[in-house]
C-alpha atoms as a PDB file:
ATOM      1  CA  MET A   1      -0.227   0.207   0.110  1.00  0.00           C
ATOM      2  CA  ILE A   2       1.317   3.627  -1.123  1.00  0.00           C
ATOM      3  CA  TRP A   3      -0.200   6.052   1.278  1.00  0.00           C
ATOM      4  CA  ASN A   4       0.361   9.914   2.377  1.00  0.00           C
ATOM      5  CA  ARG A   5      -0.139  10.837   5.559  1.00  0.00           C
ATOM      6  CA  GLY A   6      -3.098  13.513   6.413  1.00  0.00           C
ATOM      7  CA  GLU A   7      -4.553  15.633   9.359  1.00  0.00           C
ATOM      8  CA  THR A   8      -4.146  14.180  12.834  1.00  0.00           C
ATOM      9  CA  ILE A   9      -7.217  12.724  14.234  1.00  0.00           C
ATOM     10  CA  GLY A  10      -6.858  11.227  17.276  1.00  0.00           C
ATOM     11  CA  ARG A  11      -3.861  11.121  19.937  1.00  0.00           C
ATOM     12  CA  GLY A  12      -3.029   7.948  22.874  1.00  0.00           C
ATOM     13  CA  GLY A  13      -0.554   6.372  25.244  1.00  0.00           C
ATOM     14  CA  PHE A  14       0.426   4.548  21.828  1.00  0.00           C
ATOM     15  CA  GLY A  15       0.863   7.394  19.939  1.00  0.00           C
ATOM     16  CA  LEU A  16      -1.215   8.885  17.510  1.00  0.00           C
ATOM     17  CA  VAL A  17      -3.815   8.329  14.593  1.00  0.00           C
ATOM     18  CA  SER A  18      -3.947   9.982  11.470  1.00  0.00           C
ATOM     19  CA  ILE A  19      -6.067  10.361   8.320  1.00  0.00           C
ATOM     20  CA  ALA A  20      -4.503   8.841   5.222  1.00  0.00           C
ATOM     21  CA  ASN A  21      -5.041   9.068   1.532  1.00  0.00           C
ATOM     22  CA  VAL A  22      -4.292   5.697  -0.485  1.00  0.00           C
ATOM     23  CA  GLN A  23      -2.370   6.694  -3.867  1.00  0.00           C
ATOM     24  CA  GLN A  24      -4.547   5.479  -7.402  1.00  0.00           C
ATOM     25  CA  GLN A  25      -2.460   2.292  -7.758  1.00  0.00           C
ATOM     26  CA  SER A  26      -2.797   1.025  -4.986  1.00  0.00           C
ATOM     27  CA  CYS A  27      -6.820   1.924  -4.787  1.00  0.00           C
ATOM     28  CA  ASP A  28      -8.102  -1.732  -6.524  1.00  0.00           C
ATOM     29  CA  GLN A  29      -7.137  -3.801  -3.572  1.00  0.00           C
ATOM     30  CA  PHE A  30      -7.120  -0.959  -0.795  1.00  0.00           C
ATOM     31  CA  PRO A  31     -10.259   2.190   0.221  1.00  0.00           C
ATOM     32  CA  HIS A  32      -9.085   5.574  -0.871  1.00  0.00           C
ATOM     33  CA  VAL A  33      -9.535   6.612   2.881  1.00  0.00           C
ATOM     34  CA  ILE A  34      -7.881   5.228   5.912  1.00  0.00           C
ATOM     35  CA  ALA A  35      -6.693   5.359   9.326  1.00  0.00           C
ATOM     36  CA  VAL A  36      -2.954   5.040   9.879  1.00  0.00           C
ATOM     37  CA  LYS A  37      -1.731   4.117  14.065  1.00  0.00           C
ATOM     38  CA  THR A  38       1.670   5.642  14.226  1.00  0.00           C
ATOM     39  CA  ALA A  39       4.188   5.295  17.141  1.00  0.00           C
ATOM     40  CA  LYS A  40       7.885   6.068  17.409  1.00  0.00           C
ATOM     41  CA  VAL A  41       9.534   2.430  16.393  1.00  0.00           C
ATOM     42  CA  SER A  42      11.457   2.373  19.813  1.00  0.00           C
ATOM     43  CA  ALA A  43       7.914   2.516  21.839  1.00  0.00           C
ATOM     44  CA  SER A  44       5.958   0.508  19.384  1.00  0.00           C
ATOM     45  CA  ASP A  45       5.521  -2.742  21.580  1.00  0.00           C
ATOM     46  CA  SER A  46       1.941  -1.852  22.354  1.00  0.00           C
ATOM     47  CA  LEU A  47       1.054  -1.178  18.735  1.00  0.00           C
ATOM     48  CA  VAL A  48       2.759  -4.363  17.420  1.00  0.00           C
ATOM     49  CA  LYS A  49       0.840  -6.441  19.712  1.00  0.00           C
ATOM     50  CA  GLU A  50      -2.337  -4.768  18.473  1.00  0.00           C
ATOM     51  CA  LYS A  51      -1.563  -5.701  15.156  1.00  0.00           C
ATOM     52  CA  LYS A  52      -0.954  -9.021  16.116  1.00  0.00           C
ATOM     53  CA  LEU A  53      -4.297  -9.766  17.919  1.00  0.00           C
ATOM     54  CA  LEU A  54      -5.669  -7.735  14.748  1.00  0.00           C
ATOM     55  CA  ASP A  55      -4.688 -10.588  12.634  1.00  0.00           C
ATOM     56  CA  VAL A  56      -5.879 -13.067  15.023  1.00  0.00           C
ATOM     57  CA  PHE A  57      -9.294 -11.553  14.513  1.00  0.00           C
ATOM     58  CA  ASN A  58      -8.934 -11.111  11.298  1.00  0.00           C
ATOM     59  CA  GLY A  59     -12.242 -11.912   8.979  1.00  0.00           C
ATOM     60  CA  CYS A  60     -15.020 -10.499  11.568  1.00  0.00           C
ATOM     61  CA  PRO A  61     -17.149  -8.218  10.212  1.00  0.00           C
ATOM     62  CA  SER A  62     -17.710  -6.537  13.314  1.00  0.00           C
ATOM     63  CA  ILE A  63     -14.213  -5.759  14.477  1.00  0.00           C
ATOM     64  CA  LEU A  64     -12.078  -2.912  12.430  1.00  0.00           C
ATOM     65  CA  HIS A  65     -10.153  -4.213   9.888  1.00  0.00           C
ATOM     66  CA  CYS A  66      -6.373  -3.886   9.627  1.00  0.00           C
ATOM     67  CA  PHE A  67      -4.658  -3.949   6.169  1.00  0.00           C
ATOM     68  CA  GLY A  68      -1.223  -4.147   7.022  1.00  0.00           C
ATOM     69  CA  GLU A  69       1.931  -2.719   8.739  1.00  0.00           C
ATOM     70  CA  ASP A  70       5.159  -0.385   7.620  1.00  0.00           C
ATOM     71  CA  VAL A  71       7.953   1.592   8.899  1.00  0.00           C
ATOM     72  CA  THR A  72       8.267   5.265   7.591  1.00  0.00           C
ATOM     73  CA  THR A  73      10.996   7.729   8.529  1.00  0.00           C
ATOM     74  CA  GLU A  74       9.637  11.196   8.809  1.00  0.00           C
ATOM     75  CA  GLU A  75      11.375  13.864  10.503  1.00  0.00           C
ATOM     76  CA  GLY A  76      14.120  11.762  10.895  1.00  0.00           C
ATOM     77  CA  GLU A  77      12.192   9.373  13.113  1.00  0.00           C
ATOM     78  CA  GLU A  78      11.480   6.099  12.485  1.00  0.00           C
ATOM     79  CA  LEU A  79       7.921   5.188  12.871  1.00  0.00           C
ATOM     80  CA  TYR A  80       5.636   1.994  13.033  1.00  0.00           C
ATOM     81  CA  ASN A  81       2.560   2.180  11.182  1.00  0.00           C
ATOM     82  CA  ILE A  82      -0.719  -0.188  11.333  1.00  0.00           C
ATOM     83  CA  MET A  83      -2.985   0.934   8.414  1.00  0.00           C
ATOM     84  CA  LEU A  84      -6.949   0.435   9.400  1.00  0.00           C
ATOM     85  CA  GLU A  85     -10.322   1.040   8.547  1.00  0.00           C
ATOM     86  CA  TYR A  86     -11.512   5.073   8.552  1.00  0.00           C
ATOM     87  CA  ALA A  87     -14.324   5.473  10.510  1.00  0.00           C
ATOM     88  CA  ALA A  88     -15.892   8.408   9.259  1.00  0.00           C
ATOM     89  CA  GLY A  89     -18.558   8.198  11.709  1.00  0.00           C
ATOM     90  CA  GLY A  90     -16.548   8.392  14.680  1.00  0.00           C
ATOM     91  CA  CYS A  91     -16.697   6.710  17.381  1.00  0.00           C
ATOM     92  CA  LEU A  92     -19.814   5.599  19.479  1.00  0.00           C
ATOM     93  CA  ALA A  93     -18.907   8.149  22.654  1.00  0.00           C
ATOM     94  CA  ASP A  94     -19.058  11.174  20.143  1.00  0.00           C
ATOM     95  CA  ARG A  95     -22.460  10.079  18.685  1.00  0.00           C
ATOM     96  CA  THR A  96     -24.089   9.769  22.355  1.00  0.00           C
ATOM     97  CA  ILE A  97     -23.116  13.653  24.175  1.00  0.00           C
ATOM     98  CA  GLY A  98     -25.562  14.079  26.616  1.00  0.00           C
ATOM     99  CA  LYS A  99     -28.435  12.166  24.558  1.00  0.00           C
ATOM    100  CA  GLY A 100     -29.139   8.483  24.016  1.00  0.00           C
ATOM    101  CA  LEU A 101     -29.933   7.014  20.430  1.00  0.00           C
ATOM    102  CA  PRO A 102     -33.256   5.362  18.938  1.00  0.00           C
ATOM    103  CA  GLU A 103     -33.726   1.815  19.881  1.00  0.00           C
ATOM    104  CA  ASN A 104     -33.158   0.204  16.827  1.00  0.00           C
ATOM    105  CA  ILE A 105     -29.771   1.583  16.613  1.00  0.00           C
ATOM    106  CA  VAL A 106     -28.848   0.441  19.832  1.00  0.00           C
ATOM    107  CA  ARG A 107     -30.265  -2.618  19.041  1.00  0.00           C
ATOM    108  CA  GLN A 108     -28.139  -2.895  15.559  1.00  0.00           C
ATOM    109  CA  TYR A 109     -24.669  -1.510  17.328  1.00  0.00           C
ATOM    110  CA  THR A 110     -25.844  -4.536  20.176  1.00  0.00           C
ATOM    111  CA  LYS A 111     -25.961  -6.931  17.987  1.00  0.00           C
ATOM    112  CA  SER A 112     -22.650  -6.071  16.399  1.00  0.00           C
ATOM    113  CA  MET A 113     -20.616  -5.989  19.498  1.00  0.00           C
ATOM    114  CA  LEU A 114     -21.858  -9.078  20.406  1.00  0.00           C
ATOM    115  CA  ILE A 115     -20.864 -10.695  16.991  1.00  0.00           C
ATOM    116  CA  ALA A 116     -17.029  -9.342  17.884  1.00  0.00           C
ATOM    117  CA  LEU A 117     -16.969 -10.582  21.483  1.00  0.00           C
ATOM    118  CA  SER A 118     -17.943 -13.899  20.660  1.00  0.00           C
ATOM    119  CA  HIS A 119     -15.312 -14.254  17.841  1.00  0.00           C
ATOM    120  CA  VAL A 120     -12.637 -12.528  20.385  1.00  0.00           C
ATOM    121  CA  HIS A 121     -14.016 -14.770  23.378  1.00  0.00           C
ATOM    122  CA  LYS A 122     -13.742 -18.011  21.168  1.00  0.00           C
ATOM    123  CA  LEU A 123     -10.375 -17.529  20.441  1.00  0.00           C
ATOM    124  CA  GLY A 124      -9.244 -17.578  23.729  1.00  0.00           C
ATOM    125  CA  TYR A 125      -8.976 -13.704  24.129  1.00  0.00           C
ATOM    126  CA  VAL A 126     -10.598 -10.655  26.562  1.00  0.00           C
ATOM    127  CA  HIS A 127     -10.744  -7.292  24.865  1.00  0.00           C
ATOM    128  CA  CYS A 128     -10.264  -5.439  28.734  1.00  0.00           C
ATOM    129  CA  ASP A 129     -11.893  -2.208  27.813  1.00  0.00           C
ATOM    130  CA  ILE A 130     -15.023  -2.507  26.251  1.00  0.00           C
ATOM    131  CA  LYS A 131     -16.709   1.083  26.106  1.00  0.00           C
ATOM    132  CA  PRO A 132     -18.100   3.801  23.584  1.00  0.00           C
ATOM    133  CA  HIS A 133     -14.331   5.172  22.953  1.00  0.00           C
ATOM    134  CA  ASN A 134     -13.321   1.861  21.444  1.00  0.00           C
ATOM    135  CA  VAL A 135     -16.880   1.046  19.387  1.00  0.00           C
ATOM    136  CA  LEU A 136     -15.864   2.817  16.011  1.00  0.00           C
ATOM    137  CA  LEU A 137     -18.576   3.933  13.454  1.00  0.00           C
ATOM    138  CA  VAL A 138     -17.692   2.575   9.768  1.00  0.00           C
ATOM    139  CA  VAL A 139     -19.561   3.894   6.699  1.00  0.00           C
ATOM    140  CA  ASP A 140     -21.138   0.564   5.070  1.00  0.00           C
ATOM    141  CA  SER A 141     -20.783  -0.243   1.406  1.00  0.00           C
ATOM    142  CA  LEU A 142     -23.411   1.614  -0.945  1.00  0.00           C
ATOM    143  CA  ARG A 143     -25.215  -1.615  -1.141  1.00  0.00           C
ATOM    144  CA  SER A 144     -26.292  -1.871   2.336  1.00  0.00           C
ATOM    145  CA  ARG A 145     -26.414   1.985   2.490  1.00  0.00           C
ATOM    146  CA  LYS A 146     -29.594   1.432   0.134  1.00  0.00           C
ATOM    147  CA  LYS A 147     -31.144  -0.912   2.840  1.00  0.00           C
ATOM    148  CA  GLY A 148     -30.943   1.621   5.477  1.00  0.00           C
ATOM    149  CA  VAL A 149     -27.960   0.201   7.780  1.00  0.00           C
ATOM    150  CA  GLY A 150     -25.467   3.348   7.044  1.00  0.00           C
ATOM    151  CA  GLU A 151     -22.875   2.930   9.685  1.00  0.00           C
ATOM    152  CA  ILE A 152     -21.549  -0.321  11.296  1.00  0.00           C
ATOM    153  CA  ALA A 153     -20.230  -0.606  14.786  1.00  0.00           C
ATOM    154  CA  LYS A 154     -16.776  -1.988  14.920  1.00  0.00           C
ATOM    155  CA  LEU A 155     -14.637  -3.039  17.886  1.00  0.00           C
ATOM    156  CA  ALA A 156     -11.121  -1.366  18.046  1.00  0.00           C
ATOM    157  CA  ASP A 157      -8.435  -0.669  20.226  1.00  0.00           C
ATOM    158  CA  PHE A 158      -6.903  -4.072  21.175  1.00  0.00           C
ATOM    159  CA  GLY A 159      -4.160  -2.682  23.250  1.00  0.00           C
ATOM    160  CA  SER A 160      -5.539  -4.271  26.350  1.00  0.00           C
ATOM    161  CA  ALA A 161      -6.257  -7.338  25.629  1.00  0.00           C
ATOM    162  CA  LYS A 162      -5.074 -10.628  27.120  1.00  0.00           C
ATOM    163  CA  LYS A 163      -5.287 -14.194  26.510  1.00  0.00           C
ATOM    164  CA  ILE A 164      -8.065 -15.550  28.631  1.00  0.00           C
ATOM    165  CA  LYS A 165      -5.492 -18.111  30.286  1.00  0.00           C
ATOM    166  CA  ASP A 166      -2.863 -15.854  30.620  1.00  0.00           C
ATOM    167  CA  ASP A 167      -2.885 -15.200  34.407  1.00  0.00           C
ATOM    168  CA  GLU A 168       1.187 -13.811  34.701  1.00  0.00           C
ATOM    169  CA  ASP A 169       0.162 -10.245  34.680  1.00  0.00           C
ATOM    170  CA  ASN A 170      -3.370 -10.634  36.795  1.00  0.00           C
ATOM    171  CA  LYS A 171      -2.029  -7.858  39.201  1.00  0.00           C
ATOM    172  CA  GLU A 172      -2.029  -5.087  36.239  1.00  0.00           C
ATOM    173  CA  PHE A 173      -5.432  -3.064  36.058  1.00  0.00           C
ATOM    174  CA  ARG A 174      -6.601  -2.449  32.118  1.00  0.00           C
ATOM    175  CA  GLY A 175      -9.546  -0.522  31.002  1.00  0.00           C
ATOM    176  CA  THR A 176     -11.396   2.184  32.418  1.00  0.00           C
ATOM    177  CA  VAL A 177     -12.846   2.341  35.961  1.00  0.00           C
ATOM    178  CA  LEU A 178     -16.076   3.688  35.318  1.00  0.00           C
ATOM    179  CA  ASP A 179     -16.906   0.435  32.712  1.00  0.00           C
ATOM    180  CA  ALA A 180     -14.759  -2.002  34.337  1.00  0.00           C
ATOM    181  CA  ALA A 181     -16.630  -4.875  35.985  1.00  0.00           C
ATOM    182  CA  PRO A 182     -16.485  -5.357  39.918  1.00  0.00           C
ATOM    183  CA  GLU A 183     -13.877  -8.054  39.936  1.00  0.00           C
ATOM    184  CA  SER A 184     -11.605  -6.304  37.292  1.00  0.00           C
ATOM    185  CA  ILE A 185     -11.658  -3.870  40.352  1.00  0.00           C
ATOM    186  CA  ILE A 186     -11.184  -5.532  43.452  1.00  0.00           C
ATOM    187  CA  HIS A 187      -9.034  -8.345  42.040  1.00  0.00           C
ATOM    188  CA  GLN A 188      -7.729  -7.487  38.525  1.00  0.00           C
ATOM    189  CA  GLU A 189      -9.702 -10.305  37.223  1.00  0.00           C
ATOM    190  CA  TYR A 190      -9.880 -10.206  33.309  1.00  0.00           C
ATOM    191  CA  GLN A 191     -12.380 -13.290  31.777  1.00  0.00           C
ATOM    192  CA  PRO A 192     -14.799 -12.966  29.193  1.00  0.00           C
ATOM    193  CA  GLU A 193     -17.730 -12.042  31.762  1.00  0.00           C
ATOM    194  CA  SER A 194     -15.684  -8.849  31.995  1.00  0.00           C
ATOM    195  CA  ASP A 195     -16.101  -7.745  29.149  1.00  0.00           C
ATOM    196  CA  ILE A 196     -20.200  -8.704  29.307  1.00  0.00           C
ATOM    197  CA  TRP A 197     -20.376  -6.245  32.152  1.00  0.00           C
ATOM    198  CA  ALA A 198     -18.173  -3.874  30.211  1.00  0.00           C
ATOM    199  CA  LEU A 199     -20.670  -4.483  27.594  1.00  0.00           C
ATOM    200  CA  GLY A 200     -24.050  -3.862  29.966  1.00  0.00           C
ATOM    201  CA  CYS A 201     -22.205  -0.493  30.574  1.00  0.00           C
ATOM    202  CA  THR A 202     -21.922   0.816  26.810  1.00  0.00           C
ATOM    203  CA  VAL A 203     -25.432  -0.329  25.955  1.00  0.00           C
ATOM    204  CA  LEU A 204     -26.505   1.904  28.891  1.00  0.00           C
ATOM    205  CA  HIS A 205     -24.555   4.707  28.042  1.00  0.00           C
ATOM    206  CA  MET A 206     -26.307   4.312  24.224  1.00  0.00           C
ATOM    207  CA  ILE A 207     -29.695   4.378  25.920  1.00  0.00           C
ATOM    208  CA  THR A 208     -29.305   6.940  28.403  1.00  0.00           C
ATOM    209  CA  GLY A 209     -26.160   9.177  26.923  1.00  0.00           C
ATOM    210  CA  LYS A 210     -24.602   9.499  30.277  1.00  0.00           C
ATOM    211  CA  SER A 211     -21.943   7.128  31.941  1.00  0.00           C
ATOM    212  CA  PRO A 212     -23.471   4.198  33.626  1.00  0.00           C
ATOM    213  CA  TRP A 213     -22.179   5.255  37.626  1.00  0.00           C
ATOM    214  CA  LYS A 214     -22.749   8.991  38.524  1.00  0.00           C
ATOM    215  CA  VAL A 215     -19.750  10.328  39.910  1.00  0.00           C
ATOM    216  CA  LYS A 216     -19.627  14.063  41.595  1.00  0.00           C
ATOM    217  CA  LYS A 217     -17.072  16.321  41.299  1.00  0.00           C
ATOM    218  CA  GLU A 218     -16.585  16.046  45.529  1.00  0.00           C
ATOM    219  CA  ASP A 219     -16.496  12.606  45.203  1.00  0.00           C
ATOM    220  CA  LYS A 220     -13.075  10.534  46.038  1.00  0.00           C
ATOM    221  CA  ALA A 221     -11.803   7.638  43.374  1.00  0.00           C
ATOM    222  CA  GLU A 222     -11.375   5.221  46.725  1.00  0.00           C
ATOM    223  CA  ASP A 223     -15.489   5.744  47.032  1.00  0.00           C
ATOM    224  CA  VAL A 224     -16.110   5.186  43.470  1.00  0.00           C
ATOM    225  CA  LEU A 225     -13.788   2.134  43.377  1.00  0.00           C
ATOM    226  CA  PHE A 226     -15.599   0.984  46.460  1.00  0.00           C
ATOM    227  CA  LYS A 227     -18.904   1.624  44.902  1.00  0.00           C
ATOM    228  CA  ILE A 228     -17.945  -0.313  41.588  1.00  0.00           C
ATOM    229  CA  GLY A 229     -15.837  -2.976  43.125  1.00  0.00           C
ATOM    230  CA  CYS A 230     -17.505  -3.610  46.648  1.00  0.00           C
ATOM    231  CA  SER A 231     -21.259  -2.482  47.236  1.00  0.00           C
ATOM    232  CA  GLU A 232     -24.245  -4.259  46.042  1.00  0.00           C
ATOM    233  CA  GLU A 233     -25.007  -1.161  44.282  1.00  0.00           C
ATOM    234  CA  LEU A 234     -25.395  -1.235  40.615  1.00  0.00           C
ATOM    235  CA  PRO A 235     -25.744   1.043  37.202  1.00  0.00           C
ATOM    236  CA  LYS A 236     -29.498   2.341  37.681  1.00  0.00           C
ATOM    237  CA  ILE A 237     -31.177   0.707  34.695  1.00  0.00           C
ATOM    238  CA  PRO A 238     -33.920   3.453  33.824  1.00  0.00           C
ATOM    239  CA  ARG A 239     -37.265   2.586  33.018  1.00  0.00           C
ATOM    240  CA  PHE A 240     -38.579   2.528  29.974  1.00  0.00           C
ATOM    241  CA  ARG A 241     -42.963   1.917  28.791  1.00  0.00           C
ATOM    242  CA  ARG A 242     -41.367  -0.587  26.876  1.00  0.00           C
ATOM    243  CA  PHE A 243     -38.997  -1.804  29.458  1.00  0.00           C
ATOM    244  CA  LEU A 244     -38.929  -5.673  28.927  1.00  0.00           C
ATOM    245  CA  ARG A 245     -36.646  -4.878  25.454  1.00  0.00           C
ATOM    246  CA  PHE A 246     -33.535  -3.781  27.789  1.00  0.00           C
ATOM    247  CA  LEU A 247     -33.844  -6.428  29.994  1.00  0.00           C
ATOM    248  CA  ILE A 248     -30.875  -7.573  28.405  1.00  0.00           C
ATOM    249  CA  LEU A 249     -29.164  -5.463  30.526  1.00  0.00           C
ATOM    250  CA  LYS A 250     -30.047  -7.394  33.265  1.00  0.00           C
ATOM    251  CA  LYS A 251     -28.139 -10.303  32.078  1.00  0.00           C
ATOM    252  CA  CYS A 252     -24.569  -8.245  31.679  1.00  0.00           C
ATOM    253  CA  LEU A 253     -25.017  -5.932  34.826  1.00  0.00           C
ATOM    254  CA  ILE A 254     -24.708  -8.669  37.780  1.00  0.00           C
ATOM    255  CA  LYS A 255     -22.087  -8.696  40.299  1.00  0.00           C
ATOM    256  CA  ASN A 256     -21.397 -11.963  40.287  1.00  0.00           C
ATOM    257  CA  PRO A 257     -19.138 -12.599  36.516  1.00  0.00           C
ATOM    258  CA  LYS A 258     -20.817 -16.553  36.236  1.00  0.00           C
ATOM    259  CA  ALA A 259     -24.263 -15.423  36.817  1.00  0.00           C
ATOM    260  CA  ARG A 260     -23.787 -13.239  33.408  1.00  0.00           C
ATOM    261  CA  TRP A 261     -24.407 -14.632  30.592  1.00  0.00           C
ATOM    262  CA  THR A 262     -21.958 -15.146  27.543  1.00  0.00           C
ATOM    263  CA  ALA A 263     -21.720 -13.494  24.535  1.00  0.00           C
ATOM    264  CA  ASP A 264     -23.523 -16.252  22.564  1.00  0.00           C
ATOM    265  CA  MET A 265     -26.525 -16.313  25.146  1.00  0.00           C
ATOM    266  CA  LEU A 266     -26.765 -12.651  24.258  1.00  0.00           C
ATOM    267  CA  LEU A 267     -26.888 -13.184  20.917  1.00  0.00           C
ATOM    268  CA  SER A 268     -30.084 -15.491  21.440  1.00  0.00           C
ATOM    269  CA  HIS A 269     -31.753 -12.435  23.170  1.00  0.00           C
ATOM    270  CA  PRO A 270     -35.064 -11.224  21.290  1.00  0.00           C
ATOM    271  CA  PHE A 271     -33.381  -7.589  21.885  1.00  0.00           C
ATOM    272  CA  VAL A 272     -30.771  -8.335  18.982  1.00  0.00           C
ATOM    273  CA  ARG A 273     -32.000 -11.959  17.822  1.00  0.00           C
ATOM    274  CA  ASP A 274     -35.225 -10.512  16.476  1.00  0.00           C
ATOM    275  CA  PHE A 275     -34.044  -6.955  15.605  1.00  0.00           C
ATOM    276  CA  HIS A 276     -34.090  -7.890  11.688  1.00  0.00           C
ATOM    277  CA  GLN A 277     -36.942  -9.909  12.010  1.00  0.00           C
ATOM    278  CA  GLN A 278     -39.471  -7.435  13.750  1.00  0.00           C
ATOM    279  CA  HIS A 279     -38.725  -4.915  11.374  1.00  0.00           C
ATOM    280  CA  SER A 280     -39.102  -6.942   8.026  1.00  0.00           C
ATOM    281  CA  HIS A 281     -42.397  -8.063   9.939  1.00  0.00           C
ATOM    282  CA  HIS A 282     -43.159  -4.580  10.547  1.00  0.00           C
ATOM    283  CA  PHE A 283     -42.505  -3.434   6.856  1.00  0.00           C
ATOM    284  CA  SER A 284     -44.622  -6.224   5.908  1.00  0.00           C
ATOM    285  CA  LYS A 285     -47.737  -5.358   8.094  1.00  0.00           C
ATOM    286  CA  LEU A 286     -47.188  -1.893   6.719  1.00  0.00           C
ATOM    287  CA  PHE A 287     -47.051  -3.219   3.537  1.00  0.00           C
ATOM    288  CA  ARG A 288     -50.631  -5.147   3.882  1.00  0.00           C
ATOM    289  CA  GLY A 289     -51.872  -1.853   5.390  1.00  0.00           C
ATOM    290  CA  CYS A 290     -51.114  -0.131   2.459  1.00  0.00           C
ATOM    291  CA  LEU A 291     -52.655  -2.776   0.162  1.00  0.00           C
ATOM    292  CA  SER A 292     -55.632  -2.640   1.660  1.00  0.00           C
ATOM    293  CA  MET A 293     -56.390   1.047   2.042  1.00  0.00           C
ATOM    294  CA  HIS A 294     -55.307   0.796  -2.217  1.00  0.00           C
ATOM    295  CA  HIS A 295     -58.209  -1.836  -2.379  1.00  0.00           C
ATOM    296  CA  LEU A 296     -60.264   0.420  -0.447  1.00  0.00           C
ATOM    297  CA  HIS A 297     -60.282   3.274  -2.153  1.00  0.00           C
ATOM    298  CA  ASN A 298     -60.604   1.174  -5.119  1.00  0.00           C
ATOM    299  CA  ARG A 299     -64.120  -0.041  -4.216  1.00  0.00           C
ATOM    300  CA  VAL A 300     -65.174   3.488  -3.040  1.00  0.00           C
ATOM    301  CA  HIS A 301     -64.234   4.728  -6.250  1.00  0.00           C
ATOM    302  CA  VAL A 302     -66.018   2.587  -8.367  1.00  0.00           C
ATOM    303  CA  ASN A 303     -69.046   2.782  -5.802  1.00  0.00           C
END
C-alpha cells in the first residue's frame, strides 16, 4: 500500500492516529481513505501487539479491519504504522454525548458488538476495555446503505487485550474504571464475563447518553472504586415504556460474573435476535396495510 499521511484525528498513550490517502495505483485492493495508527519504533510494543491480535481476529465483520503494517522515516524519526479502516462516523462516545440513541440503532450496534465479542472469546482472548470510545462507526458499503444500514459499529483498540488463560499479569489494572467489572476493580481479574459487564455499561450509555455511574466532583477515587467493586450497588437502569426490551441489561450487569450471560447467549436474546425479523414484520404489516387502503380506495371509487 502506498499512502500519504493527512491530518491527525486522535492521540493516545500509544502515539497518534492520522487520516491517510491511498495512492491511485493501490486503490484496487484498498479503500481511498484509511486511518493510520502510529508510534515511534522505539516505543511501538503496544502497537505491534495490537497488529498481531488484529491478524488473529481477521475475518470478523464487527472488528475494525487492519490492512497491514509498515515502517516510515519522517522528520528524522523511524515510525511504526498499522493501516486500519477509517471510521468516518467517529466513535460511539461522540454520537451519544448528552443523549441516547434510537432503540433500533441501540439494538443494531449491540448485536454488532456481541458478534465481535463472541469471535474474540472463542479465540481465547478478552478485550479488557469495552467502552463507547472503542466502538467505531464505519460507513457501510453502498449496497448496504441502500438497505438503510448506513454505519456499522466495529470493535477497536485491542491494546489492553489479553489471553484468557494468561494469569501472569493479572495484578495489573486494564481498561477504564467506570466501565470495568467489579472483579476487575477488586482482583484485577479479566475473563470473558468482564467484557460482558462492560458491554452492559456501553449499552446503557447508548440508551441514556450518560456514564453508567453517577460521579460527583466531590467524590474521592477510592469511593468510586468501592461503589463499583465492593458495594451491592448496580448501574441504574432507567424505566422505559417498553422496559422489557432492555432486560438484556439484567443479563450483563450482575455482580457475580458466573451469573452473567455469555456473548453467544446474549445473541439469542430477543433484543438482538429479533432485530431484523421485527423490522421485516413491521414492513410487511405496513405494506399489507397500504394494499388494504388501496383496495378500499378502489372499491369506494367504483361504488
